[in-house]
Amino acid sequence: RLYKEFEEKGVKLLAIPKKKRDGGELNPADLSEEEVKEIKSKRMVIETVFSALTRMGIKKLFAVSLKGLLSKISYIILAYSISKLINLKLAI
């Protein structure tokens, strides 16, 4: 499907399907152990950020205009970034 279309264009998608999900076309056996570890660590970071943004209300945005929607998304991402910076500086 999409994986094969990207592969034909020279793009290698490295997302490993989660164990209990259906439809994974990428075989983890095709990757080295190092690639699998790298993908899993990146997936964990991405899922953590998405989870934090969801808790901050990014899924429940109501805006009248596109500009308003982009502003709200920007504010949530800015607030997340500032909170991470503060936590880093305070070593929490």
C-alpha atoms as a PDB file:
ATOM      1  CA  ARG A   1       0.000   0.000   0.000  1.00  0.00           C
ATOM      2  CA  LEU A   2       1.382   3.364   1.072  1.00  0.00           C
ATOM      3  CA  TYR A   3       4.606   1.758   2.285  1.00  0.00           C
ATOM      4  CA  LYS A   4       5.236   0.290  -1.159  1.00  0.00           C
ATOM      5  CA  GLU A   5       4.457   3.583  -2.914  1.00  0.00           C
ATOM      6  CA  PHE A   6       7.032   5.388  -0.778  1.00  0.00           C
ATOM      7  CA  GLU A   7       9.544   2.589  -1.301  1.00  0.00           C
ATOM      8  CA  GLU A   8       9.164   2.914  -5.082  1.00  0.00           C
ATOM      9  CA  LYS A   9      10.026   6.615  -4.747  1.00  0.00           C
ATOM     10  CA  GLY A  10      13.137   5.831  -2.696  1.00  0.00           C
ATOM     11  CA  VAL A  11      11.685   6.738   0.720  1.00  0.00           C
ATOM     12  CA  LYS A  12      12.154   4.175   3.476  1.00  0.00           C
ATOM     13  CA  LEU A  13       9.452   4.271   6.149  1.00  0.00           C
ATOM     14  CA  LEU A  14      10.786   2.798   9.366  1.00  0.00           C
ATOM     15  CA  ALA A  15       7.723   2.673  11.587  1.00  0.00           C
ATOM     16  CA  ILE A  16       7.320  -0.737  13.147  1.00  0.00           C
ATOM     17  CA  PRO A  17       3.678  -1.679  13.678  1.00  0.00           C
ATOM     18  CA  LYS A  18       2.714  -2.253  17.290  1.00  0.00           C
ATOM     19  CA  LYS A  19       2.277  -5.910  18.169  1.00  0.00           C
ATOM     20  CA  LYS A  20      -1.514  -5.920  18.505  1.00  0.00           C
ATOM     21  CA  ARG A  21      -2.230  -3.744  15.446  1.00  0.00           C
ATOM     22  CA  ASP A  22      -3.320  -5.151  12.118  1.00  0.00           C
ATOM     23  CA  GLY A  23      -2.085  -4.294   8.686  1.00  0.00           C
ATOM     24  CA  GLY A  24       1.601  -3.747   9.311  1.00  0.00           C
ATOM     25  CA  GLU A  25       3.497  -4.119   6.058  1.00  0.00           C
ATOM     26  CA  LEU A  26       7.003  -3.546   7.418  1.00  0.00           C
ATOM     27  CA  ASN A  27       8.635  -6.682   8.690  1.00  0.00           C
ATOM     28  CA  PRO A  28      10.833  -5.939  11.741  1.00  0.00           C
ATOM     29  CA  ALA A  29      13.084  -8.786  10.610  1.00  0.00           C
ATOM     30  CA  ASP A  30      14.157  -6.580   7.662  1.00  0.00           C
ATOM     31  CA  LEU A  31      15.748  -4.093  10.073  1.00  0.00           C
ATOM     32  CA  SER A  32      18.870  -4.265  12.151  1.00  0.00           C
ATOM     33  CA  GLU A  33      18.592  -4.382  15.936  1.00  0.00           C
ATOM     34  CA  GLU A  34      20.002  -0.847  16.098  1.00  0.00           C
ATOM     35  CA  GLU A  35      17.326   0.474  13.711  1.00  0.00           C
ATOM     36  CA  VAL A  36      14.590  -1.182  15.747  1.00  0.00           C
ATOM     37  CA  LYS A  37      15.875   0.427  18.985  1.00  0.00           C
ATOM     38  CA  GLU A  38      16.095   3.837  17.320  1.00  0.00           C
ATOM     39  CA  ILE A  39      12.567   3.578  15.948  1.00  0.00           C
ATOM     40  CA  LYS A  40      11.151   2.455  19.284  1.00  0.00           C
ATOM     41  CA  SER A  41      12.824   5.330  21.140  1.00  0.00           C
ATOM     42  CA  LYS A  42      11.529   7.886  18.609  1.00  0.00           C
ATOM     43  CA  ARG A  43       8.049   6.363  18.743  1.00  0.00           C
ATOM     44  CA  MET A  44       8.079   6.672  22.533  1.00  0.00           C
ATOM     45  CA  VAL A  45       9.014  10.379  22.352  1.00  0.00           C
ATOM     46  CA  ILE A  46       6.352  11.099  19.733  1.00  0.00           C
ATOM     47  CA  GLU A  47       3.650   9.268  21.692  1.00  0.00           C
ATOM     48  CA  THR A  48       4.644  11.093  24.891  1.00  0.00           C
ATOM     49  CA  VAL A  49       4.419  14.494  23.192  1.00  0.00           C
ATOM     50  CA  PHE A  50       1.069  13.656  21.575  1.00  0.00           C
ATOM     51  CA  SER A  51      -0.240  12.485  24.933  1.00  0.00           C
ATOM     52  CA  ALA A  52       0.843  15.719  26.637  1.00  0.00           C
ATOM     53  CA  LEU A  53      -0.662  17.860  23.865  1.00  0.00           C
ATOM     54  CA  THR A  54      -3.914  15.899  24.117  1.00  0.00           C
ATOM     55  CA  ARG A  55      -4.035  16.501  27.880  1.00  0.00           C
ATOM     56  CA  MET A  56      -3.518  20.205  27.144  1.00  0.00           C
ATOM     57  CA  GLY A  57      -6.635  20.188  24.952  1.00  0.00           C
ATOM     58  CA  ILE A  58      -5.297  20.111  21.417  1.00  0.00           C
ATOM     59  CA  LYS A  59      -8.087  17.746  20.332  1.00  0.00           C
ATOM     60  CA  LYS A  60     -10.854  20.026  21.602  1.00  0.00           C
ATOM     61  CA  LEU A  61     -10.144  23.214  19.706  1.00  0.00           C
ATOM     62  CA  PHE A  62     -12.964  25.385  18.451  1.00  0.00           C
ATOM     63  CA  ALA A  63     -12.157  28.250  16.150  1.00  0.00           C
ATOM     64  CA  VAL A  64     -14.129  30.373  13.719  1.00  0.00           C
ATOM     65  CA  SER A  65     -11.262  30.918  11.288  1.00  0.00           C
ATOM     66  CA  LEU A  66      -8.158  29.109  10.170  1.00  0.00           C
ATOM     67  CA  LYS A  67      -6.055  31.886  11.692  1.00  0.00           C
ATOM     68  CA  GLY A  68      -7.794  31.360  15.037  1.00  0.00           C
ATOM     69  CA  LEU A  69      -7.219  27.612  14.868  1.00  0.00           C
ATOM     70  CA  LEU A  70      -3.539  28.045  14.040  1.00  0.00           C
ATOM     71  CA  SER A  71      -3.183  30.529  16.901  1.00  0.00           C
ATOM     72  CA  LYS A  72      -4.691  28.094  19.390  1.00  0.00           C
ATOM     73  CA  ILE A  73      -2.486  25.252  18.187  1.00  0.00           C
ATOM     74  CA  SER A  74       0.566  27.522  18.366  1.00  0.00           C
ATOM     75  CA  TYR A  75      -0.288  28.590  21.930  1.00  0.00           C
ATOM     76  CA  ILE A  76      -0.663  24.993  23.104  1.00  0.00           C
ATOM     77  CA  ILE A  77       2.628  23.951  21.518  1.00  0.00           C
ATOM     78  CA  LEU A  78       4.332  27.046  22.946  1.00  0.00           C
ATOM     79  CA  ALA A  79       2.957  26.266  26.418  1.00  0.00           C
ATOM     80  CA  TYR A  80       4.199  22.673  26.122  1.00  0.00           C
ATOM     81  CA  SER A  81       7.651  23.857  25.006  1.00  0.00           C
ATOM     82  CA  ILE A  82       7.903  26.364  27.850  1.00  0.00           C
ATOM     83  CA  SER A  83       6.856  23.750  30.406  1.00  0.00           C
ATOM     84  CA  LYS A  84       9.522  21.369  29.091  1.00  0.00           C
ATOM     85  CA  LEU A  85      12.154  24.121  29.245  1.00  0.00           C
ATOM     86  CA  ILE A  86      11.205  24.991  32.829  1.00  0.00           C
ATOM     87  CA  ASN A  87      11.315  21.345  33.844  1.00  0.00           C
ATOM     88  CA  LEU A  88      14.706  20.990  32.204  1.00  0.00           C
ATOM     89  CA  LYS A  89      16.114  24.077  33.939  1.00  0.00           C
ATOM     90  CA  LEU A  90      14.733  22.947  37.300  1.00  0.00           C
ATOM     91  CA  ALA A  91      15.869  19.358  36.611  1.00  0.00           C
ATOM     92  CA  ILE A  92      12.495  17.897  37.469  1.00  0.00           C
END
